Protein backbone atom coordinates (compact mmCIF):
# COMPACT_ATOMS: atom_id res chain seq x y z
CA UNK A 1 91.74 -67.31 7.36
CA UNK A 2 92.46 -69.10 10.82
CA UNK A 3 95.37 -68.11 13.01
CA UNK A 4 97.16 -71.46 12.10
CA UNK A 5 97.07 -70.41 8.94
CA UNK A 6 98.94 -67.12 9.37
CA UNK A 7 102.53 -66.85 8.40
CA UNK A 8 104.93 -66.50 10.88
CA UNK A 9 105.98 -63.17 12.05
CA UNK A 10 109.32 -62.39 11.43
CA UNK A 11 111.52 -60.15 14.05
CA UNK A 12 112.51 -56.68 13.76
CA UNK A 13 111.30 -54.11 10.63
CA UNK A 14 109.48 -57.11 8.97
CA UNK A 15 106.09 -55.68 11.34
CA UNK A 16 106.36 -52.72 9.10
CA UNK A 17 103.70 -51.83 6.43
CA UNK A 18 104.42 -50.43 2.89
CA UNK A 19 102.74 -47.25 4.48
CA UNK A 20 105.37 -47.28 6.68
CA UNK A 21 108.16 -47.73 5.16
CA UNK A 22 107.19 -45.26 2.61
CA UNK A 23 106.44 -42.60 5.38
CA UNK A 24 109.76 -43.20 6.92
CA UNK A 25 111.66 -42.75 3.25
CA UNK A 26 109.61 -39.76 2.14
CA UNK A 27 109.89 -38.03 5.58
CA UNK A 28 113.82 -38.76 5.05
CA UNK A 29 113.81 -37.51 1.50
CA UNK A 30 111.84 -34.74 2.44
CA UNK A 31 114.04 -33.44 5.06
CA UNK A 32 117.29 -33.89 2.85
CA UNK A 33 115.36 -31.87 -0.29
CA UNK A 34 113.81 -28.86 2.08
CA UNK A 35 117.54 -28.53 3.64
CA UNK A 36 118.92 -28.61 0.32
CA UNK A 37 116.29 -26.27 -1.25
CA UNK A 38 116.26 -24.04 1.57
CA UNK A 39 120.21 -23.18 0.58
CA UNK A 40 119.32 -23.29 -2.87
CA UNK A 41 116.80 -20.78 -2.44
CA UNK A 42 119.15 -18.70 -0.48
CA UNK A 43 121.78 -18.53 -2.98
CA UNK A 44 119.22 -18.16 -5.79
CA UNK A 45 117.91 -15.07 -3.87
CA UNK A 46 121.50 -13.79 -3.56
CA UNK A 47 122.45 -13.83 -6.89
CA UNK A 48 119.08 -12.47 -8.13
CA UNK A 49 119.81 -9.19 -6.15
CA UNK A 50 123.54 -8.92 -6.91
CA UNK A 51 122.54 -9.33 -10.59
CA UNK A 52 119.67 -7.02 -10.03
CA UNK A 53 121.85 -4.36 -8.55
CA UNK A 54 124.66 -4.76 -10.95
CA UNK A 55 122.30 -4.21 -13.72
CA UNK A 56 119.82 -2.06 -12.08
CA UNK A 57 122.00 0.24 -10.17
CA UNK A 58 125.50 -0.24 -10.69
CA UNK A 59 125.67 -0.14 -14.44
CA UNK A 60 123.21 2.81 -15.08
CA UNK A 61 124.76 4.70 -12.63
CA UNK A 62 128.62 4.69 -14.00
CA UNK A 63 127.02 5.54 -17.54
CA UNK A 64 124.79 8.21 -16.17
CA UNK A 65 127.84 9.37 -14.62
CA UNK A 66 129.49 9.51 -17.88
CA UNK A 67 126.36 11.40 -19.66
CA UNK A 68 126.87 14.20 -16.73
CA UNK A 69 130.36 14.25 -17.82
CA UNK A 70 129.31 14.97 -21.30
CA UNK A 71 126.89 17.58 -20.66
CA UNK A 72 129.38 19.72 -18.55
CA UNK A 73 132.07 19.22 -21.28
CA UNK A 74 129.37 20.56 -24.03
CA UNK A 75 128.59 23.41 -21.61
CA UNK A 76 132.23 23.98 -21.17
CA UNK A 77 132.93 24.30 -25.03
CA UNK A 78 129.99 25.79 -25.81
CA UNK A 79 130.54 29.17 -23.22
CA UNK A 80 134.49 28.98 -24.33
CA UNK A 81 132.84 29.55 -28.37
CA UNK A 82 130.69 32.08 -27.29
CA UNK A 83 133.20 33.87 -24.92
CA UNK A 84 136.25 34.05 -27.40
CA UNK A 85 133.69 34.97 -30.45
CA UNK A 86 129.97 36.31 -29.54
CA UNK A 87 128.71 33.90 -31.69
CA UNK A 88 124.96 33.03 -30.92
CA UNK A 89 125.34 29.26 -32.11
CA UNK A 90 127.91 28.37 -29.06
CA UNK A 91 125.00 29.25 -26.70
CA UNK A 92 122.79 26.02 -27.65
CA UNK A 93 125.23 23.77 -26.79
CA UNK A 94 125.38 25.22 -23.34
CA UNK A 95 121.70 25.22 -22.70
CA UNK A 96 121.22 21.73 -23.87
CA UNK A 97 124.08 20.88 -21.52
CA UNK A 98 122.16 22.20 -18.40
CA UNK A 99 119.35 20.64 -19.32
CA UNK A 100 120.97 17.34 -19.48
CA UNK A 101 123.18 18.04 -16.55
CA UNK A 102 119.52 18.65 -14.41
CA UNK A 103 118.40 15.13 -16.04
CA UNK A 104 121.35 13.04 -15.64
CA UNK A 105 121.75 14.49 -11.82
CA UNK A 106 118.25 13.90 -10.61
CA UNK A 107 118.82 9.80 -12.25
CA UNK A 108 121.95 9.80 -10.32
CA UNK A 109 120.19 11.07 -7.00
CA UNK A 110 117.90 8.14 -7.51
CA UNK A 111 120.36 5.35 -8.58
CA UNK A 112 122.76 6.14 -5.41
CA UNK A 113 119.87 6.81 -3.14
CA UNK A 114 121.26 4.80 0.11
CA UNK A 115 124.72 5.02 -1.09
CA UNK A 116 126.44 7.45 1.09
CA UNK A 117 129.64 7.77 -0.59
CA UNK A 118 128.38 8.31 -3.78
CA UNK A 119 125.87 10.71 -2.95
CA UNK A 120 128.83 12.26 -1.67
CA UNK A 121 130.92 12.34 -4.95
CA UNK A 122 127.49 13.61 -6.61
CA UNK A 123 127.61 16.79 -4.14
CA UNK A 124 131.06 17.39 -4.81
CA UNK A 125 130.33 17.31 -8.84
CA UNK A 126 127.34 19.46 -8.16
CA UNK A 127 129.06 22.08 -6.01
CA UNK A 128 132.12 22.06 -8.45
CA UNK A 129 129.64 22.96 -11.38
CA UNK A 130 127.97 25.21 -9.53
CA UNK A 131 130.58 27.33 -8.65
CA UNK A 132 132.26 27.28 -12.14
CA UNK A 133 128.46 28.24 -13.66
CA UNK A 134 128.46 30.66 -11.24
CA UNK A 135 131.90 32.12 -11.73
CA UNK A 136 132.33 31.57 -15.73
CA UNK A 137 129.73 30.10 -17.18
CA UNK A 138 126.43 32.69 -16.63
CA UNK A 139 128.68 35.99 -16.65
CA UNK A 140 130.14 34.93 -20.04
CA UNK A 141 126.26 33.92 -21.30
CA UNK A 142 124.90 37.11 -19.89
CA UNK A 143 127.07 38.95 -22.48
CA UNK A 144 125.40 40.46 -25.43
CA UNK A 145 126.41 38.73 -28.72
CA UNK A 146 128.59 39.86 -31.96
CA UNK A 147 131.58 40.36 -29.66
CA UNK A 148 133.78 38.59 -27.67
CA UNK A 149 133.18 38.31 -24.08
CA UNK A 150 135.35 40.61 -21.68
CA UNK A 151 134.65 38.26 -18.67
CA UNK A 152 136.07 35.15 -20.94
CA UNK A 153 139.32 37.08 -21.66
CA UNK A 154 139.62 38.29 -17.92
CA UNK A 155 138.31 34.86 -16.27
CA UNK A 156 140.20 32.83 -18.56
CA UNK A 157 142.60 31.20 -15.77
CA UNK A 158 140.25 31.20 -12.86
CA UNK A 159 137.92 29.27 -15.70
CA UNK A 160 140.72 26.74 -16.14
CA UNK A 161 141.15 26.09 -12.55
CA UNK A 162 137.39 25.67 -11.64
CA UNK A 163 136.61 23.33 -14.28
CA UNK A 164 139.92 21.33 -13.65
CA UNK A 165 138.49 21.04 -10.11
CA UNK A 166 135.34 19.71 -11.75
CA UNK A 167 137.11 17.28 -14.40
CA UNK A 168 139.08 15.88 -10.81
CA UNK A 169 135.15 15.87 -8.83
CA UNK A 170 133.92 13.79 -12.05
CA UNK A 171 136.78 11.37 -12.15
CA UNK A 172 136.72 10.76 -8.45
CA UNK A 173 132.99 9.79 -8.68
CA UNK A 174 133.20 7.94 -11.77
CA UNK A 175 136.69 5.74 -10.15
CA UNK A 176 134.40 4.91 -7.40
CA UNK A 177 131.14 3.79 -9.53
CA UNK A 178 133.67 1.92 -11.56
CA UNK A 179 134.89 -0.11 -8.75
CA UNK A 180 131.71 -0.48 -7.30
CA UNK A 181 130.47 -2.42 -10.45
CA UNK A 182 133.85 -4.48 -10.36
CA UNK A 183 133.13 -5.73 -7.09
CA UNK A 184 129.84 -6.08 -8.02
CA UNK A 185 130.87 -8.17 -10.64
CA UNK A 186 133.13 -10.19 -8.54
CA UNK A 187 130.05 -11.17 -6.00
CA UNK A 188 127.98 -11.87 -8.51
CA UNK A 189 130.83 -14.33 -9.87
CA UNK A 190 131.46 -15.95 -6.43
CA UNK A 191 127.38 -16.13 -5.85
CA UNK A 192 126.76 -17.71 -9.51
CA UNK A 193 129.76 -20.28 -8.85
CA UNK A 194 128.15 -21.14 -5.42
CA UNK A 195 125.12 -21.63 -7.01
CA UNK A 196 126.17 -23.71 -9.58
CA UNK A 197 128.10 -26.20 -7.01
CA UNK A 198 124.92 -26.29 -4.75
CA UNK A 199 122.76 -27.17 -7.81
CA UNK A 200 124.98 -30.22 -8.82
CA UNK A 201 125.09 -31.41 -5.29
CA UNK A 202 121.08 -30.96 -5.42
CA UNK A 203 121.23 -33.09 -8.83
CA UNK A 204 123.64 -35.77 -7.45
CA UNK A 205 121.71 -36.20 -4.31
CA UNK A 206 118.32 -36.28 -6.06
CA UNK A 207 120.26 -39.03 -8.33
CA UNK A 208 120.89 -40.74 -5.39
CA UNK A 209 117.52 -40.75 -3.35
CA UNK A 210 116.38 -42.04 -6.70
CA UNK A 211 118.38 -44.95 -6.52
CA UNK A 212 117.68 -46.12 -3.04
CA UNK A 213 113.97 -45.42 -3.58
CA UNK A 214 114.04 -47.62 -6.99
CA UNK A 215 116.11 -50.68 -4.78
CA UNK A 216 113.73 -50.01 -1.57
CA UNK A 217 110.63 -50.26 -3.97
CA UNK A 218 112.42 -53.26 -5.63
CA UNK A 219 112.90 -55.08 -2.34
CA UNK A 220 109.99 -53.96 -0.89
CA UNK A 221 107.05 -54.16 -3.21
CA UNK A 222 108.63 -55.06 -6.37
CA UNK A 223 109.57 -58.16 -5.99
CA UNK A 224 106.77 -59.47 -3.69
CA UNK A 225 104.30 -58.43 -6.04
CA UNK A 226 106.05 -60.03 -8.57
CA UNK A 227 106.15 -63.27 -6.61
CA UNK A 228 101.90 -62.43 -5.94
CA UNK A 229 101.54 -61.69 -9.56
CA UNK A 230 103.02 -65.43 -10.68
CA UNK A 231 100.99 -67.13 -7.69
CA UNK A 232 97.87 -65.43 -9.34
CA UNK A 233 98.83 -66.46 -12.92
CA UNK A 234 99.58 -69.86 -11.63
CA UNK A 235 95.89 -69.78 -10.75
CA UNK A 236 94.27 -67.99 -13.51
CA UNK A 237 96.11 -70.85 -15.60
CA UNK A 238 93.45 -73.04 -14.07
CA UNK A 239 95.90 -74.20 -11.15
CA UNK A 240 93.63 -73.81 -8.19
CA UNK A 241 95.41 -75.99 -5.56
CA UNK A 242 98.15 -73.74 -6.13
CA UNK A 243 99.07 -72.19 -2.92
CA UNK A 244 99.96 -68.44 -2.26
CA UNK A 245 103.41 -67.52 -0.52
CA UNK A 246 103.28 -64.75 2.00
CA UNK A 247 106.32 -62.33 1.56
CA UNK A 248 107.31 -58.23 1.93
CA UNK A 249 106.16 -56.28 4.19
CA UNK A 250 103.06 -56.92 6.66
CA UNK A 251 100.22 -55.61 4.40
CA UNK A 252 101.58 -57.06 1.02
CA UNK A 253 101.35 -60.47 3.45
CA UNK A 254 97.81 -60.03 4.46
CA UNK A 255 96.80 -59.00 0.75
CA UNK A 256 98.76 -62.46 -0.23
CA UNK A 257 96.76 -64.31 2.75
CA UNK A 258 93.38 -62.41 1.21
CA UNK A 259 94.28 -63.75 -2.15
CA UNK A 260 94.55 -67.19 -1.06
CA UNK A 261 91.45 -66.97 1.25
CA UNK A 262 89.67 -65.93 -2.27
CA UNK A 263 91.51 -69.10 -4.25
CA UNK A 264 89.73 -71.08 -1.91
CA UNK A 265 86.39 -69.65 -2.21
CA UNK A 266 86.53 -70.13 -6.07
CA UNK A 267 87.11 -73.28 -5.80
CA UNK A 268 83.92 -73.51 -4.03
CA UNK A 269 81.99 -70.91 -6.45
CA UNK A 270 83.20 -72.89 -9.54
CA UNK A 271 80.87 -75.67 -9.10
CA UNK A 272 77.86 -73.24 -8.56
CA UNK A 273 79.17 -71.00 -11.77
CA UNK A 274 78.88 -74.05 -13.84
CA UNK A 275 74.93 -74.83 -12.71
CA UNK A 276 74.65 -71.25 -13.53
CA UNK A 277 76.28 -71.38 -17.12
CA UNK A 278 73.91 -74.78 -17.50
CA UNK A 279 70.75 -72.81 -16.27
CA UNK A 280 71.90 -69.37 -19.11
CA UNK A 281 72.24 -71.81 -21.82
CA UNK A 282 69.08 -73.30 -21.14
CA UNK A 283 67.22 -69.73 -20.96
CA UNK A 284 69.71 -68.86 -24.25
CA UNK A 285 67.86 -72.02 -26.00
CA UNK A 286 64.16 -71.30 -24.70
CA UNK A 287 64.81 -67.61 -26.28
CA UNK A 288 65.92 -68.60 -29.92
CA UNK A 289 62.82 -70.82 -29.44
CA UNK A 290 60.97 -67.77 -28.51
CA UNK A 291 62.12 -65.76 -31.37
CA UNK A 292 61.63 -68.56 -33.48
CA UNK A 293 57.83 -68.69 -32.78
CA UNK A 294 57.71 -65.55 -33.32
CA UNK A 295 58.90 -65.30 -36.41
CA UNK A 296 56.69 -68.07 -37.70
CA UNK A 297 53.55 -65.82 -35.70
CA UNK A 298 54.57 -63.10 -38.37
CA UNK A 299 54.20 -65.63 -41.22
CA UNK A 300 51.04 -66.98 -40.04
CA UNK A 301 49.65 -63.37 -39.70
CA UNK A 302 51.10 -62.71 -43.25
CA UNK A 303 49.52 -65.28 -44.96
CA UNK A 304 47.40 -67.40 -42.56
CA UNK A 305 45.08 -64.93 -40.63
CA UNK A 306 44.41 -62.82 -43.83
CA UNK A 307 42.77 -65.27 -45.64
CA UNK A 308 40.09 -65.46 -43.27
CA UNK A 309 40.00 -61.95 -41.98
CA UNK A 310 39.07 -61.07 -45.84
CA UNK A 311 36.26 -63.61 -45.80
CA UNK A 312 34.96 -62.13 -42.16
CA UNK A 313 35.10 -58.61 -43.72
CA UNK A 314 34.04 -59.66 -47.25
CA UNK A 315 30.90 -61.23 -45.84
CA UNK A 316 29.97 -58.49 -43.47
CA UNK A 317 30.09 -56.06 -45.76
CA UNK A 318 27.59 -58.24 -48.34
CA UNK A 319 25.34 -58.67 -45.25
CA UNK A 320 25.40 -54.92 -44.81
CA UNK A 321 24.38 -54.31 -48.69
CA UNK A 322 22.31 -56.92 -48.96
CA UNK A 323 19.64 -56.85 -45.76
CA UNK A 324 20.65 -53.05 -44.58
CA UNK A 325 17.64 -51.86 -43.79
CA UNK A 326 15.28 -54.96 -44.12
CA UNK A 327 16.06 -56.22 -40.07
CA UNK A 328 15.50 -53.95 -37.09
CA UNK A 329 17.68 -50.94 -36.11
CA UNK A 330 19.49 -52.79 -33.68
CA UNK A 331 20.40 -55.57 -36.60
CA UNK A 332 21.47 -52.52 -38.14
CA UNK A 333 23.58 -51.88 -35.25
CA UNK A 334 25.11 -54.87 -35.15
CA UNK A 335 25.98 -55.03 -38.54
CA UNK A 336 27.84 -52.15 -38.60
CA UNK A 337 29.71 -53.12 -35.28
CA UNK A 338 30.66 -56.05 -37.36
CA UNK A 339 31.96 -54.07 -40.13
CA UNK A 340 33.65 -51.60 -38.52
CA UNK A 341 35.22 -54.40 -36.07
CA UNK A 342 36.54 -56.65 -39.04
CA UNK A 343 38.06 -53.62 -40.76
CA UNK A 344 39.77 -52.39 -37.58
CA UNK A 345 41.45 -55.81 -37.20
CA UNK A 346 42.60 -56.03 -41.03
CA UNK A 347 44.17 -52.73 -40.43
CA UNK A 348 45.85 -53.45 -36.80
CA UNK A 349 47.51 -56.64 -38.44
CA UNK A 350 48.36 -54.64 -41.20
CA UNK A 351 49.84 -52.18 -39.20
CA UNK A 352 51.37 -55.18 -36.78
CA UNK A 353 52.84 -56.69 -39.61
CA UNK A 354 54.43 -53.33 -40.88
CA UNK A 355 56.01 -52.93 -37.61
CA UNK A 356 57.35 -56.37 -37.12
CA UNK A 357 59.19 -55.74 -40.32
CA UNK A 358 61.09 -52.80 -38.95
CA UNK A 359 65.13 -54.03 -39.07
CA UNK A 360 63.99 -57.61 -40.28
CA UNK A 361 62.69 -57.23 -43.77
CA UNK A 362 64.03 -53.59 -44.61
CA UNK A 363 67.51 -53.05 -44.41
CA UNK A 364 68.83 -51.92 -47.32
CA UNK A 365 71.15 -49.02 -45.70
CA UNK A 366 72.01 -46.97 -48.94
CA UNK A 367 72.53 -42.82 -49.27
CA UNK A 368 68.86 -41.83 -49.01
CA UNK A 369 68.20 -37.95 -50.30
CA UNK A 370 65.51 -37.26 -47.93
CA UNK A 371 64.04 -34.55 -49.63
CA UNK A 372 63.36 -36.93 -52.41
CA UNK A 373 61.80 -39.25 -49.81
CA UNK A 374 59.69 -36.25 -48.36
CA UNK A 375 58.68 -35.34 -51.65
CA UNK A 376 57.35 -38.64 -52.65
CA UNK A 377 55.57 -38.83 -48.87
CA UNK A 378 53.61 -35.84 -49.52
CA UNK A 379 52.64 -37.44 -53.25
CA UNK A 380 51.44 -40.10 -51.49
CA UNK A 381 49.37 -38.06 -48.54
CA UNK A 382 48.35 -35.41 -51.12
CA UNK A 383 44.71 -36.60 -50.90
CA UNK A 384 44.57 -35.83 -46.92
CA UNK A 385 46.94 -32.56 -47.38
CA UNK A 386 44.23 -31.32 -49.75
CA UNK A 387 41.36 -31.71 -48.20
CA UNK A 388 42.78 -30.48 -44.83
CA UNK A 389 43.93 -27.61 -46.76
CA UNK A 390 47.82 -28.26 -44.95
CA UNK A 391 50.43 -25.92 -45.69
CA UNK A 392 53.79 -28.33 -45.51
CA UNK A 393 57.26 -26.79 -45.59
CA UNK A 394 60.62 -27.87 -45.23
CA UNK A 395 64.07 -26.65 -44.80
CA UNK A 396 66.83 -28.04 -47.13
CA UNK A 397 67.12 -32.07 -46.11
CA UNK A 398 70.65 -33.74 -45.78
CA UNK A 399 71.61 -37.00 -47.39
CA UNK A 400 72.19 -40.14 -44.97
CA UNK A 401 73.04 -43.84 -44.88
CA UNK A 402 69.72 -45.31 -44.18
CA UNK A 403 66.92 -47.47 -45.36
CA UNK A 404 64.54 -45.50 -47.99
CA UNK A 405 61.70 -47.69 -47.14
CA UNK A 406 61.82 -47.10 -44.04
CA UNK A 407 62.51 -43.44 -44.15
CA UNK A 408 59.34 -43.22 -46.29
CA UNK A 409 57.45 -44.89 -43.31
CA UNK A 410 58.64 -42.17 -40.93
CA UNK A 411 58.12 -39.02 -42.85
CA UNK A 412 55.08 -40.42 -43.47
CA UNK A 413 53.97 -41.07 -40.05
CA UNK A 414 54.97 -38.38 -38.76
CA UNK A 415 53.30 -35.91 -41.39
CA UNK A 416 50.19 -38.31 -41.28
CA UNK A 417 50.30 -37.43 -37.26
CA UNK A 418 50.85 -33.56 -37.63
CA UNK A 419 47.74 -32.97 -40.48
CA UNK A 420 45.54 -35.58 -38.62
CA UNK A 421 45.76 -34.17 -35.10
CA UNK A 422 45.02 -30.29 -35.91
CA UNK A 423 42.87 -27.94 -33.99
CA UNK A 424 39.38 -27.48 -35.35
CA UNK A 425 38.37 -24.69 -37.69
CA UNK A 426 42.26 -24.08 -37.97
CA UNK A 427 44.66 -24.56 -41.23
CA UNK A 428 47.05 -27.01 -40.32
CA UNK A 429 50.43 -26.20 -40.48
CA UNK A 430 53.74 -28.36 -40.55
CA UNK A 431 57.72 -27.21 -40.75
CA UNK A 432 60.39 -29.79 -41.17
CA UNK A 433 63.97 -28.67 -40.59
CA UNK A 434 67.51 -30.31 -39.74
CA UNK A 435 70.58 -29.16 -38.00
CA UNK A 436 74.02 -30.67 -37.78
CA UNK A 437 74.74 -31.77 -34.41
CA UNK A 438 78.62 -32.83 -34.53
CA UNK A 439 78.28 -36.40 -35.94
CA UNK A 440 74.05 -36.59 -36.27
CA UNK A 441 71.49 -35.19 -37.76
CA UNK A 442 69.13 -33.56 -35.79
CA UNK A 443 65.50 -33.09 -37.28
CA UNK A 444 62.12 -31.52 -35.99
CA UNK A 445 58.18 -32.02 -37.52
CA UNK A 446 56.63 -29.46 -35.80
CA UNK A 447 52.82 -28.58 -36.46
CA UNK A 448 49.99 -26.27 -34.57
CA UNK A 449 47.89 -29.14 -33.78
CA UNK A 450 46.19 -30.31 -30.77
CA UNK A 451 49.93 -30.84 -29.07
CA UNK A 452 50.92 -33.37 -26.66
CA UNK A 453 50.67 -32.67 -22.83
CA UNK A 454 54.27 -33.43 -21.02
CA UNK A 455 52.91 -35.95 -18.93
CA UNK A 456 52.49 -38.11 -22.26
CA UNK A 457 55.58 -37.54 -23.74
CA UNK A 458 56.71 -40.85 -23.33
CA UNK A 459 53.22 -42.56 -23.75
CA UNK A 460 52.94 -41.89 -27.19
CA UNK A 461 55.97 -43.88 -28.48
CA UNK A 462 54.24 -47.28 -26.63
CA UNK A 463 51.88 -49.17 -29.56
CA UNK A 464 48.82 -49.15 -29.50
CA UNK A 465 48.93 -46.42 -27.15
CA UNK A 466 46.03 -43.64 -27.78
CA UNK A 467 45.31 -40.36 -25.95
CA UNK A 468 41.98 -40.04 -27.68
CA UNK A 469 39.05 -41.87 -28.80
CA UNK A 470 38.93 -43.55 -32.31
CA UNK A 471 35.99 -41.78 -32.97
CA UNK A 472 37.48 -38.12 -32.59
CA UNK A 473 40.71 -39.01 -34.01
CA UNK A 474 40.99 -42.62 -36.24
CA UNK A 475 44.17 -44.81 -36.20
CA UNK A 476 45.74 -47.78 -34.72
CA UNK A 477 47.76 -46.28 -32.21
CA UNK A 478 51.04 -47.56 -33.60
CA UNK A 479 52.25 -44.94 -36.13
CA UNK A 480 54.58 -43.22 -33.15
CA UNK A 481 56.04 -46.75 -31.90
CA UNK A 482 56.96 -47.68 -35.54
CA UNK A 483 58.75 -43.99 -35.94
CA UNK A 484 60.71 -44.69 -32.65
CA UNK A 485 61.45 -48.17 -33.87
CA UNK A 486 62.88 -46.64 -37.10
CA UNK A 487 65.06 -43.82 -35.61
CA UNK A 488 66.38 -46.43 -33.29
CA UNK A 489 67.61 -49.08 -35.77
CA UNK A 490 69.08 -46.26 -37.47
CA UNK A 491 71.33 -45.36 -34.13
CA UNK A 492 69.44 -42.11 -33.10
CA UNK A 493 66.65 -40.97 -30.38
CA UNK A 494 63.16 -39.48 -31.19
CA UNK A 495 61.09 -37.78 -28.30
CA UNK A 496 58.56 -34.60 -27.68
CA UNK A 497 59.68 -31.20 -27.36
CA UNK A 498 58.05 -30.64 -24.08
CA UNK A 499 58.93 -26.89 -23.87
CA UNK A 500 57.03 -26.09 -27.39
CA UNK A 501 54.24 -24.48 -27.15
CA UNK A 502 50.87 -24.11 -29.65
CA UNK A 503 50.85 -27.51 -31.12
CA UNK A 504 53.79 -30.67 -31.38
CA UNK A 505 57.22 -30.96 -32.07
CA UNK A 506 58.87 -33.99 -32.66
CA UNK A 507 62.55 -34.32 -32.57
CA UNK A 508 64.69 -37.17 -33.64
CA UNK A 509 68.14 -37.73 -34.68
CA UNK A 510 69.73 -39.97 -37.56
CA UNK A 511 73.58 -41.33 -37.63
CA UNK A 512 75.32 -41.03 -40.49
CA UNK A 513 75.93 -44.79 -40.58
CA UNK A 514 73.32 -46.91 -38.12
CA UNK A 515 74.08 -49.94 -36.93
CA UNK A 516 72.21 -52.63 -38.84
CA UNK A 517 70.99 -54.57 -36.16
CA UNK A 518 68.03 -56.75 -36.09
CA UNK A 519 65.31 -56.30 -32.96
CA UNK A 520 64.17 -60.09 -32.55
CA UNK A 521 62.15 -59.18 -29.59
CA UNK A 522 60.26 -56.24 -31.38
CA UNK A 523 57.37 -58.59 -32.14
CA UNK A 524 57.30 -59.72 -28.62
CA UNK A 525 57.24 -56.42 -27.51
CA UNK A 526 54.01 -55.56 -29.76
CA UNK A 527 52.16 -58.33 -28.52
CA UNK A 528 52.33 -57.54 -25.01
CA UNK A 529 48.76 -56.69 -24.04
CA UNK A 530 48.20 -52.60 -24.20
CA UNK A 531 45.30 -50.87 -22.75
CA UNK A 532 43.83 -49.12 -25.37
CA UNK A 533 42.81 -45.40 -23.33
CA UNK A 534 42.25 -43.28 -26.04
C-alpha cells in the first residue's frame, strides 16, 4: 500500500492500537479489582479468624467450664453421702469427679492460653477447689467406711462455706466466658455484615466493568470487524472491485489495508488460477485415459497374450520331448532355457493379473469367518505342507467384513511363504494369532524360517522384488506385494516385525468395515521397471 492509498490519520486517541486500548482497560480494571480483592481478603480473613476463635476457643471453653462445675458438684455430692453414711458406693463419684476435674482443668488451660483474665478465673477456681478438698473432701474420704465420718459432722459449716466460695469462683468464671462468647458473636455478625456489603460492592463493580468492557469492545473492535467482514463477504461473493474502508483502531485500519491489498492481489492471480485449472483438467483427462488404457491392457493380458504364450510353451515343451537328447548338449540347454522362460512368463502374467484384480474384480464385502478361510487355504496347500512336514497352528480367528476371495489369497501367500522360506534340515513351524486392538484386529503369522533382515523389511512388499535367486527359492516375487495390496484395500496395514528373531513374523491389521475403494493406479505401479535382485 502506497502512502497515497493510506487513510488520513485522525487526531487524538485514534492512533491507539487495539493492544494499547486493551492494556489501558485491563490495567484500570485490575487496579480496581486488586483494591477490592485486598479489602475482601482482609474482611474474609477477619471473619474466618473470629469464627474460628468462637468455634474453637470461646464456645468449647464455656462448655468445659460447665463440665468442670459438674465434676466438682459430683465430688461434693459423693463426699456428703460418704460422710453421712460411710457407704463406700458414695466414694466412687468423688474419685471420678477428681479425674474429670484434672481433665477439664487441663483443657481449659490449653483453651485459655494467652487470655490473662480467663487464666486468672481458672486459678481462682482451682485454688477454691484445692482449699475445699484440703479441708473437707480428703479428710472425709480418708475416714474408714461403715460409719458416719466425724469430720463431716464437725466441719459441716466450714465445708458449706468453702464450697460456696468455689461456686462463686465458678460462676464468675462462667459469666466471663459467656460475656466473651457474646462479644465474639457480635464481632462475627459485624464482620459478616461488612463482608456481605463488600461482596455486593465487588459484584456490582464487576458488572459495571463487564458493561464497560462490552461497550468498548463493541465500539472499538466488534463494529469495525463487522464492517470489515461485510466488505470481505462482498468480495467473496464475486465483487472483487468492492473497496474495503479502514475503520476502528490503528491496527484494524492497517488490517483493512492489508486485506484490500490482498483483494487486488487476488484479482491479479485470478487469471493465473484459471489457467492452472485448465491445466489440471487436462491432466485429469490424461489420467482418466491412462486408467482406461491400463484396464485395456489387463483385458489384453488376460485374453490376447495367453494364447500365443500357451503356444510358445506347448511347442517348446514338444520340442524338448521330441528332440531332447538328439542334438548336442548346447541345443538341449537352449531348449531348457526356452521352456523355463515360457513357464516363468506364464506364471508372471497370471500373478500380475491376480495382482491387478485386487480391488477391481474381487470386491464382494461380507462377513467372513477367517477360521474357515484358513482351513480351506491349508487344504489347498496340503501337498506343500505334507512334503515339507510343516506344523501349522492358529488361535481362534474372528469374523470380519471382507472379500472372501481376497482373504483366501492373503492366507495362501502368507502360509506358502512361511513354508517355502524354511531353514534347511529343520521342520517348518507356523503359528497364526489374532488380538483385538481398539476397533482393529491385529494378526501375526510367525515362522521359524530364514527370516527377513530389518533393512529389507519394506523392500519385500514391493512387487517383483526378490531377496534370493529363483534357483534357491522359486517364485515371482509378487506374493507379499499382493498381501500388502489386499490388506490396504481392506483399510489395514502390514509390516515385518523387526524385533522378532529365529524366523519371520508378518503382522497386519484388518478394519471391521474396510472402505470399498478401487485402486486404478495399481496396475501402473505393477508395470514400473523392477530390478530382480534376488
